[in-house]
Structure formats: structure tokens, C-alpha cells
PDB file of N, CA and C in Angstrom:
ATOM      1  N   UNK A   1     120.199 115.298-113.676  1.00  0.00           N
ATOM      2  CA  UNK A   1     119.231 115.552-112.563  1.00  0.00           C
ATOM      3  C   UNK A   1     118.044 116.260-112.694  1.00  0.00           C
ATOM      4  N   UNK A   2     116.528 115.895-112.904  1.00  0.00           N
ATOM      5  CA  UNK A   2     116.012 116.629-113.120  1.00  0.00           C
ATOM      6  C   UNK A   2     114.980 116.593-111.806  1.00  0.00           C
ATOM      7  N   UNK A   3     114.659 117.863-111.487  1.00  0.00           N
ATOM      8  CA  UNK A   3     114.252 117.644-109.732  1.00  0.00           C
ATOM      9  C   UNK A   3     112.538 118.276-109.761  1.00  0.00           C
ATOM     10  N   UNK A   4     111.751 117.431-108.636  1.00  0.00           N
ATOM     11  CA  UNK A   4     110.152 118.470-109.211  1.00  0.00           C
ATOM     12  C   UNK A   4     110.001 119.120-108.049  1.00  0.00           C
ATOM     13  N   UNK A   5     109.524 119.906-107.525  1.00  0.00           N
ATOM     14  CA  UNK A   5     109.717 120.514-106.355  1.00  0.00           C
ATOM     15  C   UNK A   5     107.690 120.196-105.984  1.00  0.00           C
ATOM     16  N   UNK A   6     107.350 120.597-104.630  1.00  0.00           N
ATOM     17  CA  UNK A   6     106.059 120.454-104.881  1.00  0.00           C
ATOM     18  C   UNK A   6     105.882 121.319-102.866  1.00  0.00           C
ATOM     19  N   UNK A   7     105.402 122.181-102.989  1.00  0.00           N
ATOM     20  CA  UNK A   7     105.019 123.220-101.771  1.00  0.00           C
ATOM     21  C   UNK A   7     104.191 123.563-101.096  1.00  0.00           C
ATOM     22  N   UNK A   8     103.880 122.095-100.545  1.00  0.00           N
ATOM     23  CA  UNK A   8     102.310 121.374 -99.923  1.00  0.00           C
ATOM     24  C   UNK A   8     102.547 120.110 -98.998  1.00  0.00           C
ATOM     25  N   UNK A   9     102.070 119.473 -98.026  1.00  0.00           N
ATOM     26  CA  UNK A   9     101.724 117.854 -97.815  1.00  0.00           C
ATOM     27  C   UNK A   9     100.866 117.502 -99.398  1.00  0.00           C
ATOM     28  N   UNK A  10     101.505 116.490 -99.608  1.00  0.00           N
ATOM     29  CA  UNK A  10     101.189 115.372-100.436  1.00  0.00           C
ATOM     30  C   UNK A  10     100.869 114.626-100.056  1.00  0.00           C
ATOM     31  N   UNK A  11     100.219 114.012 -99.707  1.00  0.00           N
ATOM     32  CA  UNK A  11      99.745 111.893 -99.826  1.00  0.00           C
ATOM     33  C   UNK A  11     100.180 111.024-100.798  1.00  0.00           C
ATOM     34  N   UNK A  12     101.438 111.287-100.515  1.00  0.00           N
ATOM     35  CA  UNK A  12     102.975 110.344-101.339  1.00  0.00           C
ATOM     36  C   UNK A  12     102.058 108.883-101.549  1.00  0.00           C
ATOM     37  N   UNK A  13     101.897 108.322-100.099  1.00  0.00           N
ATOM     38  CA  UNK A  13     101.366 106.876-100.179  1.00  0.00           C
ATOM     39  C   UNK A  13     100.793 106.802-101.193  1.00  0.00           C
ATOM     40  N   UNK A  14      98.956 107.671-100.673  1.00  0.00           N
ATOM     41  CA  UNK A  14      98.087 107.027-101.931  1.00  0.00           C
ATOM     42  C   UNK A  14      99.020 107.448-103.858  1.00  0.00           C
ATOM     43  N   UNK A  15      99.764 108.209-103.507  1.00  0.00           N
ATOM     44  CA  UNK A  15     100.470 108.249-104.687  1.00  0.00           C
ATOM     45  C   UNK A  15     100.974 107.094-105.338  1.00  0.00           C
ATOM     46  N   UNK A  16     102.013 106.582-104.547  1.00  0.00           N
ATOM     47  CA  UNK A  16     102.681 105.408-104.275  1.00  0.00           C
ATOM     48  C   UNK A  16     101.477 103.919-104.963  1.00  0.00           C
ATOM     49  N   UNK A  17     100.211 104.450-104.274  1.00  0.00           N
ATOM     50  CA  UNK A  17      99.948 102.765-104.666  1.00  0.00           C
ATOM     51  C   UNK A  17      99.194 103.040-105.958  1.00  0.00           C
ATOM     52  N   UNK A  18      98.827 104.374-106.468  1.00  0.00           N
ATOM     53  CA  UNK A  18      98.626 104.207-107.462  1.00  0.00           C
ATOM     54  C   UNK A  18      99.774 103.833-108.724  1.00  0.00           C
ATOM     55  N   UNK A  19     100.379 103.850-108.626  1.00  0.00           N
ATOM     56  CA  UNK A  19     101.717 103.995-109.404  1.00  0.00           C
ATOM     57  C   UNK A  19     102.631 103.322-108.893  1.00  0.00           C
ATOM     58  N   UNK A  20     102.939 101.951-110.406  1.00  0.00           N
ATOM     59  CA  UNK A  20     104.563 101.407-110.026  1.00  0.00           C
ATOM     60  C   UNK A  20     106.071 102.710-110.413  1.00  0.00           C
ATOM     61  N   UNK A  21     106.551 102.486-108.746  1.00  0.00           N
ATOM     62  CA  UNK A  21     107.641 103.773-109.170  1.00  0.00           C
ATOM     63  C   UNK A  21     108.837 102.619-109.408  1.00  0.00           C
ATOM     64  N   UNK A  22     109.678 103.406-110.325  1.00  0.00           N
ATOM     65  CA  UNK A  22     110.681 102.441-110.867  1.00  0.00           C
ATOM     66  C   UNK A  22     112.129 103.213-109.693  1.00  0.00           C
ATOM     67  N   UNK A  23     112.562 102.810-108.545  1.00  0.00           N
ATOM     68  CA  UNK A  23     113.136 103.049-107.696  1.00  0.00           C
ATOM     69  C   UNK A  23     114.378 103.596-108.573  1.00  0.00           C
ATOM     70  N   UNK A  24     114.926 103.085-109.349  1.00  0.00           N
ATOM     71  CA  UNK A  24     115.958 103.707-110.293  1.00  0.00           C
ATOM     72  C   UNK A  24     116.075 104.730-110.828  1.00  0.00           C
ATOM     73  N   UNK A  25     115.348 104.875-111.657  1.00  0.00           N
ATOM     74  CA  UNK A  25     114.749 106.490-111.908  1.00  0.00           C
ATOM     75  C   UNK A  25     113.806 107.580-111.527  1.00  0.00           C
ATOM     76  N   UNK A  26     113.537 106.811-109.720  1.00  0.00           N
ATOM     77  CA  UNK A  26     112.856 108.254-109.605  1.00  0.00           C
ATOM     78  C   UNK A  26     112.533 108.129-107.778  1.00  0.00           C
ATOM     79  N   UNK A  27     112.769 109.272-107.286  1.00  0.00           N
ATOM     80  CA  UNK A  27     113.539 109.136-105.864  1.00  0.00           C
ATOM     81  C   UNK A  27     112.589 110.493-105.412  1.00  0.00           C
ATOM     82  N   UNK A  28     112.175 110.366-104.179  1.00  0.00           N
ATOM     83  CA  UNK A  28     111.618 111.528-103.046  1.00  0.00           C
ATOM     84  C   UNK A  28     111.907 111.539-102.439  1.00  0.00           C
ATOM     85  N   UNK A  29     111.162 112.739-101.460  1.00  0.00           N
ATOM     86  CA  UNK A  29     111.168 112.110-100.233  1.00  0.00           C
ATOM     87  C   UNK A  29     110.471 113.456 -99.815  1.00  0.00           C
ATOM     88  N   UNK A  30     109.765 113.168 -98.538  1.00  0.00           N
ATOM     89  CA  UNK A  30     108.940 114.703 -98.197  1.00  0.00           C
ATOM     90  C   UNK A  30     109.109 115.110 -97.118  1.00  0.00           C
ATOM     91  N   UNK A  31     109.205 116.226 -96.647  1.00  0.00           N
ATOM     92  CA  UNK A  31     108.684 116.269 -94.935  1.00  0.00           C
ATOM     93  C   UNK A  31     108.328 117.796 -94.924  1.00  0.00           C
ATOM     94  N   UNK A  32     108.169 118.745 -93.948  1.00  0.00           N
ATOM     95  CA  UNK A  32     106.786 119.018 -92.933  1.00  0.00           C
ATOM     96  C   UNK A  32     105.760 119.862 -94.191  1.00  0.00           C
ATOM     97  N   UNK A  33     106.102 120.604 -95.387  1.00  0.00           N
ATOM     98  CA  UNK A  33     105.752 121.110 -96.093  1.00  0.00           C
ATOM     99  C   UNK A  33     106.143 121.024 -97.978  1.00  0.00           C
ATOM    100  N   UNK A  34     107.637 120.421 -97.826  1.00  0.00           N
ATOM    101  CA  UNK A  34     108.119 120.266 -99.375  1.00  0.00           C
ATOM    102  C   UNK A  34     107.673 118.470 -99.506  1.00  0.00           C
ATOM    103  N   UNK A  35     107.660 118.602-100.627  1.00  0.00           N
ATOM    104  CA  UNK A  35     108.148 117.585-101.733  1.00  0.00           C
ATOM    105  C   UNK A  35     108.517 117.190-102.421  1.00  0.00           C
ATOM    106  N   UNK A  36     109.558 116.265-103.139  1.00  0.00           N
ATOM    107  CA  UNK A  36     110.444 116.885-103.733  1.00  0.00           C
ATOM    108  C   UNK A  36     110.339 115.449-104.365  1.00  0.00           C
ATOM    109  N   UNK A  37     111.025 115.142-105.942  1.00  0.00           N
ATOM    110  CA  UNK A  37     110.227 114.582-106.965  1.00  0.00           C
ATOM    111  C   UNK A  37     111.785 114.509-107.637  1.00  0.00           C
ATOM    112  N   UNK A  38     112.716 113.449-107.557  1.00  0.00           N
ATOM    113  CA  UNK A  38     113.635 113.920-108.957  1.00  0.00           C
ATOM    114  C   UNK A  38     114.017 112.359-109.731  1.00  0.00           C
ATOM    115  N   UNK A  39     114.513 112.585-110.733  1.00  0.00           N
ATOM    116  CA  UNK A  39     114.283 112.003-111.893  1.00  0.00           C
ATOM    117  C   UNK A  39     116.110 112.096-112.989  1.00  0.00           C
ATOM    118  N   UNK A  40     116.088 111.218-113.001  1.00  0.00           N
ATOM    119  CA  UNK A  40     117.029 110.884-114.309  1.00  0.00           C
ATOM    120  C   UNK A  40     116.975 111.666-115.783  1.00  0.00           C
ATOM    121  N   UNK A  41     115.789 111.229-116.131  1.00  0.00           N
ATOM    122  CA  UNK A  41     114.687 110.922-117.184  1.00  0.00           C
ATOM    123  C   UNK A  41     113.346 111.889-116.724  1.00  0.00           C
ATOM    124  N   UNK A  42     113.739 113.575-117.815  1.00  0.00           N
ATOM    125  CA  UNK A  42     112.323 113.942-117.658  1.00  0.00           C
ATOM    126  C   UNK A  42     111.266 114.122-117.975  1.00  0.00           C
ATOM    127  N   UNK A  43     110.421 114.432-117.451  1.00  0.00           N
ATOM    128  CA  UNK A  43     108.861 114.353-117.726  1.00  0.00           C
ATOM    129  C   UNK A  43     108.898 114.561-119.430  1.00  0.00           C
ATOM    130  N   UNK A  44     107.929 113.580-119.442  1.00  0.00           N
ATOM    131  CA  UNK A  44     107.308 113.773-121.390  1.00  0.00           C
ATOM    132  C   UNK A  44     108.750 112.551-121.961  1.00  0.00           C
ATOM    133  N   UNK A  45     109.578 112.194-120.836  1.00  0.00           N
ATOM    134  CA  UNK A  45     110.677 111.591-122.635  1.00  0.00           C
ATOM    135  C   UNK A  45     110.433 109.956-121.955  1.00  0.00           C
ATOM    136  N   UNK A  46     109.640 109.459-121.633  1.00  0.00           N
ATOM    137  CA  UNK A  46     108.999 108.026-121.564  1.00  0.00           C
ATOM    138  C   UNK A  46     109.831 106.862-120.459  1.00  0.00           C
ATOM    139  N   UNK A  47     109.717 108.091-119.096  1.00  0.00           N
ATOM    140  CA  UNK A  47     109.556 107.435-117.933  1.00  0.00           C
ATOM    141  C   UNK A  47     108.475 108.072-117.253  1.00  0.00           C
ATOM    142  N   UNK A  48     107.195 106.326-117.854  1.00  0.00           N
ATOM    143  CA  UNK A  48     105.609 106.935-117.872  1.00  0.00           C
ATOM    144  C   UNK A  48     105.491 106.884-115.911  1.00  0.00           C
ATOM    145  N   UNK A  49     106.258 106.189-115.588  1.00  0.00           N
ATOM    146  CA  UNK A  49     106.308 106.245-113.721  1.00  0.00           C
ATOM    147  C   UNK A  49     105.997 107.694-113.717  1.00  0.00           C
ATOM    148  N   UNK A  50     107.259 108.395-113.968  1.00  0.00           N
ATOM    149  CA  UNK A  50     107.140 109.743-113.578  1.00  0.00           C
ATOM    150  C   UNK A  50     106.015 110.669-114.076  1.00  0.00           C
ATOM    151  N   UNK A  51     105.637 110.174-115.402  1.00  0.00           N
ATOM    152  CA  UNK A  51     104.978 111.164-116.166  1.00  0.00           C
ATOM    153  C   UNK A  51     103.178 110.477-115.067  1.00  0.00           C
ATOM    154  N   UNK A  52     102.943 109.626-115.221  1.00  0.00           N
ATOM    155  CA  UNK A  52     101.763 109.390-114.465  1.00  0.00           C
ATOM    156  C   UNK A  52     101.730 110.464-113.063  1.00  0.00           C
ATOM    157  N   UNK A  53     102.776 110.280-112.264  1.00  0.00           N
ATOM    158  CA  UNK A  53     102.706 110.986-111.357  1.00  0.00           C
ATOM    159  C   UNK A  53     103.055 112.442-111.287  1.00  0.00           C
ATOM    160  N   UNK A  54     103.365 112.961-112.048  1.00  0.00           N
ATOM    161  CA  UNK A  54     103.379 114.324-112.308  1.00  0.00           C
ATOM    162  C   UNK A  54     101.872 114.436-113.085  1.00  0.00           C
ATOM    163  N   UNK A  55     101.368 113.880-113.891  1.00  0.00           N
ATOM    164  CA  UNK A  55     100.138 114.539-113.497  1.00  0.00           C
ATOM    165  C   UNK A  55      98.842 114.007-113.302  1.00  0.00           C
ATOM    166  N   UNK A  56      99.226 112.991-111.768  1.00  0.00           N
ATOM    167  CA  UNK A  56      97.977 113.235-111.249  1.00  0.00           C
ATOM    168  C   UNK A  56      98.540 114.241-109.965  1.00  0.00           C
ATOM    169  N   UNK A  57      99.366 114.463-109.915  1.00  0.00           N
ATOM    170  CA  UNK A  57      99.850 115.993-109.303  1.00  0.00           C
ATOM    171  C   UNK A  57      98.892 117.630-109.674  1.00  0.00           C
ATOM    172  N   UNK A  58      99.334 117.203-110.993  1.00  0.00           N
ATOM    173  CA  UNK A  58      99.177 118.954-111.806  1.00  0.00           C
ATOM    174  C   UNK A  58      96.969 119.008-111.506  1.00  0.00           C
ATOM    175  N   UNK A  59      96.471 117.993-110.898  1.00  0.00           N
ATOM    176  CA  UNK A  59      95.424 117.850-111.135  1.00  0.00           C
ATOM    177  C   UNK A  59      95.022 119.143-109.752  1.00  0.00           C
ATOM    178  N   UNK A  60      95.691 118.992-108.655  1.00  0.00           N
ATOM    179  CA  UNK A  60      96.002 119.887-107.599  1.00  0.00           C
ATOM    180  C   UNK A  60      97.002 121.038-107.462  1.00  0.00           C
ATOM    181  N   UNK A  61      97.896 121.007-108.633  1.00  0.00           N
ATOM    182  CA  UNK A  61      99.193 122.060-108.485  1.00  0.00           C
ATOM    183  C   UNK A  61     100.033 122.643-109.754  1.00  0.00           C
ATOM    184  N   UNK A  62      99.871 123.846-109.709  1.00  0.00           N
ATOM    185  CA  UNK A  62     100.519 124.631-111.278  1.00  0.00           C
ATOM    186  C   UNK A  62     102.206 123.374-111.337  1.00  0.00           C
ATOM    187  N   UNK A  63     101.883 123.951-112.552  1.00  0.00           N
ATOM    188  CA  UNK A  63     103.652 123.209-112.932  1.00  0.00           C
ATOM    189  C   UNK A  63     103.825 124.808-113.244  1.00  0.00           C
ATOM    190  N   UNK A  64     105.415 124.750-113.290  1.00  0.00           N
ATOM    191  CA  UNK A  64     105.955 125.963-114.024  1.00  0.00           C
ATOM    192  C   UNK A  64     106.685 125.604-114.312  1.00  0.00           C
ATOM    193  N   UNK A  65     108.182 126.591-115.007  1.00  0.00           N
ATOM    194  CA  UNK A  65     109.219 126.266-115.469  1.00  0.00           C
ATOM    195  C   UNK A  65     110.255 125.513-114.815  1.00  0.00           C
ATOM    196  N   UNK A  66     111.035 124.960-115.530  1.00  0.00           N
ATOM    197  CA  UNK A  66     112.023 123.586-115.281  1.00  0.00           C
ATOM    198  C   UNK A  66     111.721 123.143-113.970  1.00  0.00           C
ATOM    199  N   UNK A  67     110.142 122.003-113.887  1.00  0.00           N
ATOM    200  CA  UNK A  67     109.823 121.791-113.731  1.00  0.00           C
ATOM    201  C   UNK A  67     109.359 121.405-112.203  1.00  0.00           C
ATOM    202  N   UNK A  68     109.030 123.165-112.026  1.00  0.00           N
ATOM    203  CA  UNK A  68     108.842 123.192-110.469  1.00  0.00           C
ATOM    204  C   UNK A  68     107.408 123.025-110.584  1.00  0.00           C
ATOM    205  N   UNK A  69     106.702 122.757-109.038  1.00  0.00           N
ATOM    206  CA  UNK A  69     104.301 122.301-109.216  1.00  0.00           C
ATOM    207  C   UNK A  69     105.013 123.590-108.001  1.00  0.00           C
ATOM    208  N   UNK A  70     104.016 123.944-107.666  1.00  0.00           N
ATOM    209  CA  UNK A  70     103.630 124.985-106.382  1.00  0.00           C
ATOM    210  C   UNK A  70     102.255 124.951-106.892  1.00  0.00           C
ATOM    211  N   UNK A  71     101.727 124.890-104.798  1.00  0.00           N
ATOM    212  CA  UNK A  71      99.563 124.475-105.123  1.00  0.00           C
ATOM    213  C   UNK A  71      99.266 125.653-105.537  1.00  0.00           C
ATOM    214  N   UNK A  72      98.298 125.594-105.646  1.00  0.00           N
ATOM    215  CA  UNK A  72      97.543 127.095-106.295  1.00  0.00           C
ATOM    216  C   UNK A  72      97.205 127.751-104.768  1.00  0.00           C
ATOM    217  N   UNK A  73      97.298 127.003-103.892  1.00  0.00           N
ATOM    218  CA  UNK A  73      97.383 128.007-102.394  1.00  0.00           C
ATOM    219  C   UNK A  73      98.755 129.206-101.854  1.00  0.00           C
ATOM    220  N   UNK A  74      99.667 128.380-102.247  1.00  0.00           N
ATOM    221  CA  UNK A  74     100.906 128.198-102.489  1.00  0.00           C
ATOM    222  C   UNK A  74     101.450 129.358-103.182  1.00  0.00           C
ATOM    223  N   UNK A  75     101.338 129.084-104.423  1.00  0.00           N
ATOM    224  CA  UNK A  75     102.004 129.585-105.978  1.00  0.00           C
ATOM    225  C   UNK A  75     102.314 130.867-105.594  1.00  0.00           C
ATOM    226  N   UNK A  76     101.234 132.112-104.790  1.00  0.00           N
ATOM    227  CA  UNK A  76     101.438 133.394-105.151  1.00  0.00           C
ATOM    228  C   UNK A  76     102.697 133.332-103.742  1.00  0.00           C
ATOM    229  N   UNK A  77     102.987 132.763-102.954  1.00  0.00           N
ATOM    230  CA  UNK A  77     104.553 132.780-101.953  1.00  0.00           C
ATOM    231  C   UNK A  77     105.509 132.932-102.101  1.00  0.00           C
ATOM    232  N   UNK A  78     105.668 131.893-103.211  1.00  0.00           N
ATOM    233  CA  UNK A  78     106.684 131.568-103.520  1.00  0.00           C
ATOM    234  C   UNK A  78     107.272 132.474-104.849  1.00  0.00           C
ATOM    235  N   UNK A  79     108.000 133.195-105.388  1.00  0.00           N
ATOM    236  CA  UNK A  79     108.730 133.865-106.862  1.00  0.00           C
ATOM    237  C   UNK A  79     109.940 132.288-107.435  1.00  0.00           C
TER     238      UNK A  79
END
């Protein structure tokens, strides 16, 4: 299982509208300031829906090691 954490509010409805999500491979939830994407297929290994979603998010978020994505505003607050 691969997890991608985003520390900020994300309008996931817009992402979902623009992405054909395969629920068998991608699962996600959003709470107050955390958006989590989990996938059984790692980024870049053929899961085009996950790749597309993460590439779109990368426009506004920093991608760190192990699939951790942090907002530019909060990146310095998390280690």
C-alpha cells in the first residue's frame, strides 16, 4: 500500500471531476487539513489515474520522498 499525504485543504471534487478514478486501485479521504491518497500501485507504475491526480496536485504541492506531498505554505512546519 502506498500513501500520499497532502497537508492542506484540497478541493477533491474538482480533482475527481477531472480524473477517472479507479476505486479498486485508489482510495482517498479528506479531513480538516489532511488529504490522503492510498494506492496499491505506486506512482509512475502504470496507474494513470493516480499519476494524473498527483501530477495535477504537484502544481501546488511539493512532492517529497516516500510519496509525501506537502503544501508550499506548510512544508517548513512538518518534518
